[in-house]
Full PDB file with SEQRES, HELIX, SHEET, SSBOND, CRYST1, ORIGX, SCALE, CONECT and MASTER records, all heavy atoms in Angstrom:
SEQRES   1 A   34  ALA ILE TRP PRO ALA VAL ARG GLU ALA LEU ARG GLN LEU          
SEQRES   2 A   34  GLN GLU SER LEU VAL PRO ASN GLU PHE VAL PRO GLY THR          
SEQRES   3 A   34  ALA THR THR THR PHE VAL LEU ALA                              
HELIX    1 AA1 TRP A    3  LEU A   17  1                                  15    
CRYST1    1.000    1.000    1.000  90.00  90.00  90.00 P 1           1          
ORIGX1      1.000000  0.000000  0.000000        0.00000                         
ORIGX2      0.000000  1.000000  0.000000        0.00000                         
ORIGX3      0.000000  0.000000  1.000000        0.00000                         
SCALE1      1.000000  0.000000  0.000000        0.00000                         
SCALE2      0.000000  1.000000  0.000000        0.00000                         
SCALE3      0.000000  0.000000  1.000000        0.00000                         
ATOM      1  N   ALA A   1     -32.453  -9.698   7.754  1.00  0.00           N  
ATOM      2  CA  ALA A   1     -32.120 -10.844   8.589  1.00  0.00           C  
ATOM      3  C   ALA A   1     -30.616 -10.966   8.820  1.00  0.00           C  
ATOM      4  O   ALA A   1     -30.169 -11.311   9.918  1.00  0.00           O  
ATOM      5  CB  ALA A   1     -32.663 -12.128   7.951  1.00  0.00           C  
ATOM      6  N   ILE A   2     -29.821 -10.683   7.787  1.00  0.00           N  
ATOM      7  CA  ILE A   2     -28.370 -10.895   7.923  1.00  0.00           C  
ATOM      8  C   ILE A   2     -27.622  -9.657   8.384  1.00  0.00           C  
ATOM      9  O   ILE A   2     -26.480  -9.761   8.847  1.00  0.00           O  
ATOM     10  CB  ILE A   2     -27.756 -11.388   6.600  1.00  0.00           C  
ATOM     11  CG1 ILE A   2     -27.817 -10.287   5.522  1.00  0.00           C  
ATOM     12  CG2 ILE A   2     -28.425 -12.663   6.127  1.00  0.00           C  
ATOM     13  CD1 ILE A   2     -27.110 -10.661   4.228  1.00  0.00           C  
ATOM     14  N   TRP A   3     -28.250  -8.477   8.301  1.00  0.00           N  
ATOM     15  CA  TRP A   3     -27.521  -7.250   8.621  1.00  0.00           C  
ATOM     16  C   TRP A   3     -26.990  -7.202  10.059  1.00  0.00           C  
ATOM     17  O   TRP A   3     -25.815  -6.837  10.279  1.00  0.00           O  
ATOM     18  CB  TRP A   3     -28.391  -6.028   8.333  1.00  0.00           C  
ATOM     19  CG  TRP A   3     -27.670  -4.722   8.545  1.00  0.00           C  
ATOM     20  CD1 TRP A   3     -26.360  -4.447   8.242  1.00  0.00           C  
ATOM     21  CD2 TRP A   3     -28.219  -3.515   9.089  1.00  0.00           C  
ATOM     22  NE1 TRP A   3     -26.061  -3.140   8.563  1.00  0.00           N  
ATOM     23  CE2 TRP A   3     -27.183  -2.553   9.082  1.00  0.00           C  
ATOM     24  CE3 TRP A   3     -29.480  -3.155   9.554  1.00  0.00           C  
ATOM     25  CZ2 TRP A   3     -27.375  -1.254   9.549  1.00  0.00           C  
ATOM     26  CZ3 TRP A   3     -29.675  -1.869  10.012  1.00  0.00           C  
ATOM     27  CH2 TRP A   3     -28.637  -0.923  10.016  1.00  0.00           C  
ATOM     28  N   PRO A   4     -27.783  -7.554  11.098  1.00  0.00           N  
ATOM     29  CA  PRO A   4     -27.234  -7.484  12.459  1.00  0.00           C  
ATOM     30  C   PRO A   4     -25.961  -8.306  12.627  1.00  0.00           C  
ATOM     31  O   PRO A   4     -24.998  -7.865  13.266  1.00  0.00           O  
ATOM     32  CB  PRO A   4     -28.380  -8.015  13.325  1.00  0.00           C  
ATOM     33  CG  PRO A   4     -29.608  -7.742  12.531  1.00  0.00           C  
ATOM     34  CD  PRO A   4     -29.203  -7.947  11.096  1.00  0.00           C  
ATOM     35  N   ALA A   5     -25.930  -9.512  12.046  1.00  0.00           N  
ATOM     36  CA  ALA A   5     -24.743 -10.359  12.176  1.00  0.00           C  
ATOM     37  C   ALA A   5     -23.561  -9.766  11.422  1.00  0.00           C  
ATOM     38  O   ALA A   5     -22.424  -9.793  11.902  1.00  0.00           O  
ATOM     39  CB  ALA A   5     -25.060 -11.770  11.662  1.00  0.00           C  
ATOM     40  N   VAL A   6     -23.827  -9.227  10.233  1.00  0.00           N  
ATOM     41  CA  VAL A   6     -22.750  -8.606   9.448  1.00  0.00           C  
ATOM     42  C   VAL A   6     -22.181  -7.400  10.188  1.00  0.00           C  
ATOM     43  O   VAL A   6     -20.962  -7.247  10.319  1.00  0.00           O  
ATOM     44  CB  VAL A   6     -23.270  -8.181   8.061  1.00  0.00           C  
ATOM     45  CG1 VAL A   6     -22.250  -7.308   7.343  1.00  0.00           C  
ATOM     46  CG2 VAL A   6     -23.600  -9.409   7.215  1.00  0.00           C  
ATOM     47  N   ARG A   7     -23.066  -6.556  10.707  1.00  0.00           N  
ATOM     48  CA  ARG A   7     -22.603  -5.342  11.407  1.00  0.00           C  
ATOM     49  C   ARG A   7     -21.790  -5.691  12.651  1.00  0.00           C  
ATOM     50  O   ARG A   7     -20.745  -5.094  12.911  1.00  0.00           O  
ATOM     51  CB  ARG A   7     -23.808  -4.473  11.773  1.00  0.00           C  
ATOM     52  CG  ARG A   7     -23.507  -3.375  12.768  1.00  0.00           C  
ATOM     53  CD  ARG A   7     -24.430  -2.211  12.615  1.00  0.00           C  
ATOM     54  NE  ARG A   7     -24.029  -1.358  11.510  1.00  0.00           N  
ATOM     55  CZ  ARG A   7     -24.302  -0.055  11.445  1.00  0.00           C  
ATOM     56  NH1 ARG A   7     -24.990   0.531  12.407  1.00  0.00           N  
ATOM     57  NH2 ARG A   7     -23.904   0.665  10.424  1.00  0.00           N  
ATOM     58  N   GLU A   8     -22.259  -6.664  13.405  1.00  0.00           N  
ATOM     59  CA  GLU A   8     -21.553  -7.038  14.628  1.00  0.00           C  
ATOM     60  C   GLU A   8     -20.195  -7.661  14.305  1.00  0.00           C  
ATOM     61  O   GLU A   8     -19.203  -7.391  14.982  1.00  0.00           O  
ATOM     62  CB  GLU A   8     -22.404  -8.000  15.450  1.00  0.00           C  
ATOM     63  CG  GLU A   8     -21.796  -8.403  16.778  1.00  0.00           C  
ATOM     64  CD  GLU A   8     -21.568  -7.220  17.704  1.00  0.00           C  
ATOM     65  OE1 GLU A   8     -22.189  -6.152  17.507  1.00  0.00           O  
ATOM     66  OE2 GLU A   8     -20.748  -7.353  18.633  1.00  0.00           O  
ATOM     67  N   ALA A   9     -20.141  -8.486  13.255  1.00  0.00           N  
ATOM     68  CA  ALA A   9     -18.865  -9.101  12.873  1.00  0.00           C  
ATOM     69  C   ALA A   9     -17.859  -8.046  12.427  1.00  0.00           C  
ATOM     70  O   ALA A   9     -16.678  -8.090  12.809  1.00  0.00           O  
ATOM     71  CB  ALA A   9     -19.100 -10.117  11.752  1.00  0.00           C  
ATOM     72  N   LEU A  10     -18.299  -7.076  11.642  1.00  0.00           N  
ATOM     73  CA  LEU A  10     -17.405  -6.005  11.204  1.00  0.00           C  
ATOM     74  C   LEU A  10     -16.942  -5.165  12.387  1.00  0.00           C  
ATOM     75  O   LEU A  10     -15.780  -4.748  12.459  1.00  0.00           O  
ATOM     76  CB  LEU A  10     -18.113  -5.118  10.177  1.00  0.00           C  
ATOM     77  CG  LEU A  10     -18.398  -5.754   8.818  1.00  0.00           C  
ATOM     78  CD1 LEU A  10     -19.257  -4.823   7.962  1.00  0.00           C  
ATOM     79  CD2 LEU A  10     -17.100  -6.085   8.082  1.00  0.00           C  
ATOM     80  N   ARG A  11     -17.843  -4.923  13.318  1.00  0.00           N  
ATOM     81  CA  ARG A  11     -17.484  -4.118  14.479  1.00  0.00           C  
ATOM     82  C   ARG A  11     -16.428  -4.829  15.332  1.00  0.00           C  
ATOM     83  O   ARG A  11     -15.449  -4.226  15.779  1.00  0.00           O  
ATOM     84  CB  ARG A  11     -18.723  -3.834  15.317  1.00  0.00           C  
ATOM     85  CG  ARG A  11     -18.481  -2.801  16.429  1.00  0.00           C  
ATOM     86  CD  ARG A  11     -19.620  -2.819  17.440  1.00  0.00           C  
ATOM     87  NE  ARG A  11     -20.910  -2.707  16.805  1.00  0.00           N  
ATOM     88  CZ  ARG A  11     -21.436  -1.543  16.411  1.00  0.00           C  
ATOM     89  NH1 ARG A  11     -20.775  -0.431  16.579  1.00  0.00           N  
ATOM     90  NH2 ARG A  11     -22.628  -1.520  15.851  1.00  0.00           N  
ATOM     91  N   GLN A  12     -16.643  -6.118  15.582  1.00  0.00           N  
ATOM     92  CA  GLN A  12     -15.694  -6.867  16.391  1.00  0.00           C  
ATOM     93  C   GLN A  12     -14.331  -6.936  15.718  1.00  0.00           C  
ATOM     94  O   GLN A  12     -13.291  -6.837  16.379  1.00  0.00           O  
ATOM     95  CB  GLN A  12     -16.229  -8.274  16.650  1.00  0.00           C  
ATOM     96  CG  GLN A  12     -17.426  -8.308  17.593  1.00  0.00           C  
ATOM     97  CD  GLN A  12     -17.877  -9.725  17.892  1.00  0.00           C  
ATOM     98  OE1 GLN A  12     -17.228 -10.697  17.513  1.00  0.00           O  
ATOM     99  NE2 GLN A  12     -19.015  -9.853  18.557  1.00  0.00           N  
ATOM    100  N   LEU A  13     -14.332  -7.092  14.403  1.00  0.00           N  
ATOM    101  CA  LEU A  13     -13.075  -7.135  13.672  1.00  0.00           C  
ATOM    102  C   LEU A  13     -12.337  -5.807  13.790  1.00  0.00           C  
ATOM    103  O   LEU A  13     -11.126  -5.764  14.054  1.00  0.00           O  
ATOM    104  CB  LEU A  13     -13.347  -7.468  12.204  1.00  0.00           C  
ATOM    105  CG  LEU A  13     -12.118  -7.610  11.295  1.00  0.00           C  
ATOM    106  CD1 LEU A  13     -11.210  -8.721  11.796  1.00  0.00           C  
ATOM    107  CD2 LEU A  13     -12.548  -7.870   9.863  1.00  0.00           C  
ATOM    108  N   GLN A  14     -13.057  -4.706  13.623  1.00  0.00           N  
ATOM    109  CA  GLN A  14     -12.433  -3.397  13.730  1.00  0.00           C  
ATOM    110  C   GLN A  14     -11.883  -3.149  15.126  1.00  0.00           C  
ATOM    111  O   GLN A  14     -10.767  -2.650  15.295  1.00  0.00           O  
ATOM    112  CB  GLN A  14     -13.435  -2.304  13.373  1.00  0.00           C  
ATOM    113  CG  GLN A  14     -12.856  -0.890  13.488  1.00  0.00           C  
ATOM    114  CD  GLN A  14     -13.860   0.175  13.094  1.00  0.00           C  
ATOM    115  OE1 GLN A  14     -14.984  -0.143  12.718  1.00  0.00           O  
ATOM    116  NE2 GLN A  14     -13.474   1.422  13.197  1.00  0.00           N  
ATOM    117  N   GLU A  15     -12.648  -3.506  16.146  1.00  0.00           N  
ATOM    118  CA  GLU A  15     -12.202  -3.257  17.506  1.00  0.00           C  
ATOM    119  C   GLU A  15     -11.011  -4.130  17.876  1.00  0.00           C  
ATOM    120  O   GLU A  15     -10.172  -3.727  18.683  1.00  0.00           O  
ATOM    121  CB  GLU A  15     -13.354  -3.488  18.482  1.00  0.00           C  
ATOM    122  CG  GLU A  15     -14.443  -2.438  18.365  1.00  0.00           C  
ATOM    123  CD  GLU A  15     -15.576  -2.661  19.349  1.00  0.00           C  
ATOM    124  OE1 GLU A  15     -15.544  -3.705  20.046  1.00  0.00           O  
ATOM    125  OE2 GLU A  15     -16.464  -1.801  19.420  1.00  0.00           O  
ATOM    126  N   SER A  16     -10.926  -5.317  17.288  1.00  0.00           N  
ATOM    127  CA  SER A  16      -9.783  -6.195  17.559  1.00  0.00           C  
ATOM    128  C   SER A  16      -8.520  -5.683  16.889  1.00  0.00           C  
ATOM    129  O   SER A  16      -7.426  -5.731  17.460  1.00  0.00           O  
ATOM    130  CB  SER A  16     -10.082  -7.616  17.073  1.00  0.00           C  
ATOM    131  OG  SER A  16     -11.177  -8.173  17.775  1.00  0.00           O  
ATOM    132  N   LEU A  17      -8.672  -5.185  15.672  1.00  0.00           N  
ATOM    133  CA  LEU A  17      -7.498  -4.727  14.921  1.00  0.00           C  
ATOM    134  C   LEU A  17      -7.092  -3.300  15.274  1.00  0.00           C  
ATOM    135  O   LEU A  17      -5.912  -2.962  15.256  1.00  0.00           O  
ATOM    136  CB  LEU A  17      -7.784  -4.822  13.412  1.00  0.00           C  
ATOM    137  CG  LEU A  17      -8.059  -6.222  12.870  1.00  0.00           C  
ATOM    138  CD1 LEU A  17      -8.414  -6.159  11.399  1.00  0.00           C  
ATOM    139  CD2 LEU A  17      -6.849  -7.121  13.089  1.00  0.00           C  
ATOM    140  N   VAL A  18      -8.081  -2.457  15.578  1.00  0.00           N  
ATOM    141  CA  VAL A  18      -7.800  -1.053  15.878  1.00  0.00           C  
ATOM    142  C   VAL A  18      -8.496  -0.688  17.188  1.00  0.00           C  
ATOM    143  O   VAL A  18      -9.540  -0.032  17.193  1.00  0.00           O  
ATOM    144  CB  VAL A  18      -8.271  -0.119  14.737  1.00  0.00           C  
ATOM    145  CG1 VAL A  18      -7.761   1.300  14.979  1.00  0.00           C  
ATOM    146  CG2 VAL A  18      -7.825  -0.628  13.387  1.00  0.00           C  
ATOM    147  N   PRO A  19      -7.945  -1.144  18.327  1.00  0.00           N  
ATOM    148  CA  PRO A  19      -8.587  -0.800  19.591  1.00  0.00           C  
ATOM    149  C   PRO A  19      -8.629   0.714  19.789  1.00  0.00           C  
ATOM    150  O   PRO A  19      -7.676   1.412  19.471  1.00  0.00           O  
ATOM    151  CB  PRO A  19      -7.699  -1.479  20.644  1.00  0.00           C  
ATOM    152  CG  PRO A  19      -6.502  -1.976  19.942  1.00  0.00           C  
ATOM    153  CD  PRO A  19      -6.733  -1.910  18.470  1.00  0.00           C  
ATOM    154  N   ASN A  20      -9.732   1.184  20.306  1.00  0.00           N  
ATOM    155  CA  ASN A  20      -9.935   2.632  20.439  1.00  0.00           C  
ATOM    156  C   ASN A  20     -10.287   2.950  21.883  1.00  0.00           C  
ATOM    157  O   ASN A  20     -11.429   2.863  22.288  1.00  0.00           O  
ATOM    158  CB  ASN A  20     -11.050   3.087  19.494  1.00  0.00           C  
ATOM    159  CG  ASN A  20     -11.219   4.600  19.520  1.00  0.00           C  
ATOM    160  OD1 ASN A  20     -10.324   5.320  19.948  1.00  0.00           O  
ATOM    161  ND2 ASN A  20     -12.362   5.070  19.073  1.00  0.00           N  
ATOM    162  N   GLU A  21      -9.283   3.298  22.684  1.00  0.00           N  
ATOM    163  CA  GLU A  21      -9.493   3.631  24.084  1.00  0.00           C  
ATOM    164  C   GLU A  21     -10.072   5.030  24.192  1.00  0.00           C  
ATOM    165  O   GLU A  21      -9.562   5.976  23.591  1.00  0.00           O  
ATOM    166  CB  GLU A  21      -8.176   3.544  24.860  1.00  0.00           C  
ATOM    167  CG  GLU A  21      -8.326   3.719  26.357  1.00  0.00           C  
ATOM    168  CD  GLU A  21      -9.105   2.578  27.000  1.00  0.00           C  
ATOM    169  OE1 GLU A  21      -9.126   1.476  26.420  1.00  0.00           O  
ATOM    170  OE2 GLU A  21      -9.691   2.801  28.077  1.00  0.00           O  
ATOM    171  N   PHE A  22     -11.150   5.142  24.938  1.00  0.00           N  
ATOM    172  CA  PHE A  22     -11.833   6.415  25.087  1.00  0.00           C  
ATOM    173  C   PHE A  22     -11.116   7.271  26.118  1.00  0.00           C  
ATOM    174  O   PHE A  22     -10.930   6.870  27.267  1.00  0.00           O  
ATOM    175  CB  PHE A  22     -13.281   6.167  25.524  1.00  0.00           C  
ATOM    176  CG  PHE A  22     -14.101   7.417  25.685  1.00  0.00           C  
ATOM    177  CD1 PHE A  22     -14.598   8.085  24.579  1.00  0.00           C  
ATOM    178  CD2 PHE A  22     -14.385   7.917  26.952  1.00  0.00           C  
ATOM    179  CE1 PHE A  22     -15.357   9.225  24.727  1.00  0.00           C  
ATOM    180  CE2 PHE A  22     -15.161   9.052  27.106  1.00  0.00           C  
ATOM    181  CZ  PHE A  22     -15.638   9.713  25.989  1.00  0.00           C  
ATOM    182  N   VAL A  23     -10.707   8.461  25.706  1.00  0.00           N  
ATOM    183  CA  VAL A  23     -10.055   9.423  26.599  1.00  0.00           C  
ATOM    184  C   VAL A  23     -10.980  10.624  26.700  1.00  0.00           C  
ATOM    185  O   VAL A  23     -11.055  11.434  25.770  1.00  0.00           O  
ATOM    186  CB  VAL A  23      -8.673   9.841  26.074  1.00  0.00           C  
ATOM    187  CG1 VAL A  23      -8.019  10.831  27.046  1.00  0.00           C  
ATOM    188  CG2 VAL A  23      -7.785   8.625  25.858  1.00  0.00           C  
ATOM    189  N   PRO A  24     -11.716  10.770  27.799  1.00  0.00           N  
ATOM    190  CA  PRO A  24     -12.736  11.817  27.888  1.00  0.00           C  
ATOM    191  C   PRO A  24     -12.213  13.215  27.576  1.00  0.00           C  
ATOM    192  O   PRO A  24     -12.887  13.993  26.897  1.00  0.00           O  
ATOM    193  CB  PRO A  24     -13.210  11.719  29.347  1.00  0.00           C  
ATOM    194  CG  PRO A  24     -12.922  10.317  29.740  1.00  0.00           C  
ATOM    195  CD  PRO A  24     -11.672   9.933  29.011  1.00  0.00           C  
ATOM    196  N   GLY A  25     -11.028  13.544  28.049  1.00  0.00           N  
ATOM    197  CA  GLY A  25     -10.518  14.905  27.882  1.00  0.00           C  
ATOM    198  C   GLY A  25     -10.254  15.306  26.450  1.00  0.00           C  
ATOM    199  O   GLY A  25     -10.259  16.506  26.131  1.00  0.00           O  
ATOM    200  N   THR A  26     -10.034  14.327  25.562  1.00  0.00           N  
ATOM    201  CA  THR A  26      -9.728  14.642  24.162  1.00  0.00           C  
ATOM    202  C   THR A  26     -10.771  14.098  23.192  1.00  0.00           C  
ATOM    203  O   THR A  26     -10.679  14.334  21.989  1.00  0.00           O  
ATOM    204  CB  THR A  26      -8.349  14.073  23.774  1.00  0.00           C  
ATOM    205  OG1 THR A  26      -8.342  12.645  23.975  1.00  0.00           O  
ATOM    206  CG2 THR A  26      -7.248  14.701  24.625  1.00  0.00           C  
ATOM    207  N   ALA A  27     -11.754  13.366  23.693  1.00  0.00           N  
ATOM    208  CA  ALA A  27     -12.753  12.734  22.826  1.00  0.00           C  
ATOM    209  C   ALA A  27     -13.681  13.768  22.202  1.00  0.00           C  
ATOM    210  O   ALA A  27     -13.962  14.822  22.780  1.00  0.00           O  
ATOM    211  CB  ALA A  27     -13.573  11.722  23.622  1.00  0.00           C  
ATOM    212  N   THR A  28     -14.150  13.464  21.003  1.00  0.00           N  
ATOM    213  CA  THR A  28     -15.125  14.314  20.308  1.00  0.00           C  
ATOM    214  C   THR A  28     -16.359  13.489  19.926  1.00  0.00           C  
ATOM    215  O   THR A  28     -17.039  13.781  18.952  1.00  0.00           O  
ATOM    216  CB  THR A  28     -14.506  14.932  19.048  1.00  0.00           C  
ATOM    217  OG1 THR A  28     -14.021  13.879  18.184  1.00  0.00           O  
ATOM    218  CG2 THR A  28     -13.365  15.873  19.408  1.00  0.00           C  
ATOM    219  N   THR A  29     -16.629  12.459  20.704  1.00  0.00           N  
ATOM    220  CA  THR A  29     -17.741  11.546  20.442  1.00  0.00           C  
ATOM    221  C   THR A  29     -19.092  12.227  20.667  1.00  0.00           C  
ATOM    222  O   THR A  29     -19.214  13.112  21.504  1.00  0.00           O  
ATOM    223  CB  THR A  29     -17.638  10.327  21.379  1.00  0.00           C  
ATOM    224  OG1 THR A  29     -16.320   9.772  21.278  1.00  0.00           O  
ATOM    225  CG2 THR A  29     -18.675   9.269  21.034  1.00  0.00           C  
ATOM    226  N   THR A  30     -20.093  11.794  19.898  1.00  0.00           N  
ATOM    227  CA  THR A  30     -21.478  12.203  20.137  1.00  0.00           C  
ATOM    228  C   THR A  30     -22.277  10.982  20.563  1.00  0.00           C  
ATOM    229  O   THR A  30     -22.291   9.972  19.866  1.00  0.00           O  
ATOM    230  CB  THR A  30     -22.115  12.817  18.882  1.00  0.00           C  
ATOM    231  OG1 THR A  30     -21.424  14.024  18.537  1.00  0.00           O  
ATOM    232  CG2 THR A  30     -23.588  13.149  19.126  1.00  0.00           C  
ATOM    233  N   PHE A  31     -22.909  11.072  21.721  1.00  0.00           N  
ATOM    234  CA  PHE A  31     -23.761   9.997  22.223  1.00  0.00           C  
ATOM    235  C   PHE A  31     -25.226  10.387  22.048  1.00  0.00           C  
ATOM    236  O   PHE A  31     -25.582  11.553  22.215  1.00  0.00           O  
ATOM    237  CB  PHE A  31     -23.506   9.738  23.715  1.00  0.00           C  
ATOM    238  CG  PHE A  31     -22.123   9.238  24.028  1.00  0.00           C  
ATOM    239  CD1 PHE A  31     -21.201  10.057  24.679  1.00  0.00           C  
ATOM    240  CD2 PHE A  31     -21.738   7.957  23.686  1.00  0.00           C  
ATOM    241  CE1 PHE A  31     -19.937   9.609  24.983  1.00  0.00           C  
ATOM    242  CE2 PHE A  31     -20.464   7.488  23.983  1.00  0.00           C  
ATOM    243  CZ  PHE A  31     -19.561   8.322  24.639  1.00  0.00           C  
ATOM    244  N   VAL A  32     -26.052   9.391  21.739  1.00  0.00           N  
ATOM    245  CA  VAL A  32     -27.495   9.622  21.589  1.00  0.00           C  
ATOM    246  C   VAL A  32     -28.215   8.891  22.715  1.00  0.00           C  
ATOM    247  O   VAL A  32     -28.067   7.682  22.883  1.00  0.00           O  
ATOM    248  CB  VAL A  32     -28.008   9.130  20.226  1.00  0.00           C  
ATOM    249  CG1 VAL A  32     -29.506   9.389  20.112  1.00  0.00           C  
ATOM    250  CG2 VAL A  32     -27.257   9.826  19.096  1.00  0.00           C  
ATOM    251  N   LEU A  33     -28.993   9.642  23.498  1.00  0.00           N  
ATOM    252  CA  LEU A  33     -29.757   9.090  24.613  1.00  0.00           C  
ATOM    253  C   LEU A  33     -31.241   9.264  24.328  1.00  0.00           C  
ATOM    254  O   LEU A  33     -31.668  10.328  23.892  1.00  0.00           O  
ATOM    255  CB  LEU A  33     -29.418   9.806  25.918  1.00  0.00           C  
ATOM    256  CG  LEU A  33     -28.182   9.354  26.699  1.00  0.00           C  
ATOM    257  CD1 LEU A  33     -26.922   9.505  25.865  1.00  0.00           C  
ATOM    258  CD2 LEU A  33     -28.051  10.150  27.996  1.00  0.00           C  
ATOM    259  N   ALA A  34     -32.010   8.221  24.585  1.00  0.00           N  
ATOM    260  CA  ALA A  34     -33.470   8.291  24.452  1.00  0.00           C  
ATOM    261  C   ALA A  34     -34.070   8.320  25.847  1.00  0.00           C  
ATOM    262  O   ALA A  34     -33.825   7.406  26.647  1.00  0.00           O  
ATOM    263  CB  ALA A  34     -33.998   7.092  23.662  1.00  0.00           C  
TER     264      ALA A  34                                                      
MASTER        0    0    0    1    0    0    0    6  263    1    0    3          
END                                                                             
């Protein structure tokens, strides 16, 4: 019950403190598509 709220709060905090702009030419991200 509490995990979604905890995960979202941690994510928002991280993105606010350490913004991560996606640069396609240098990114090494893996995306999962269903």
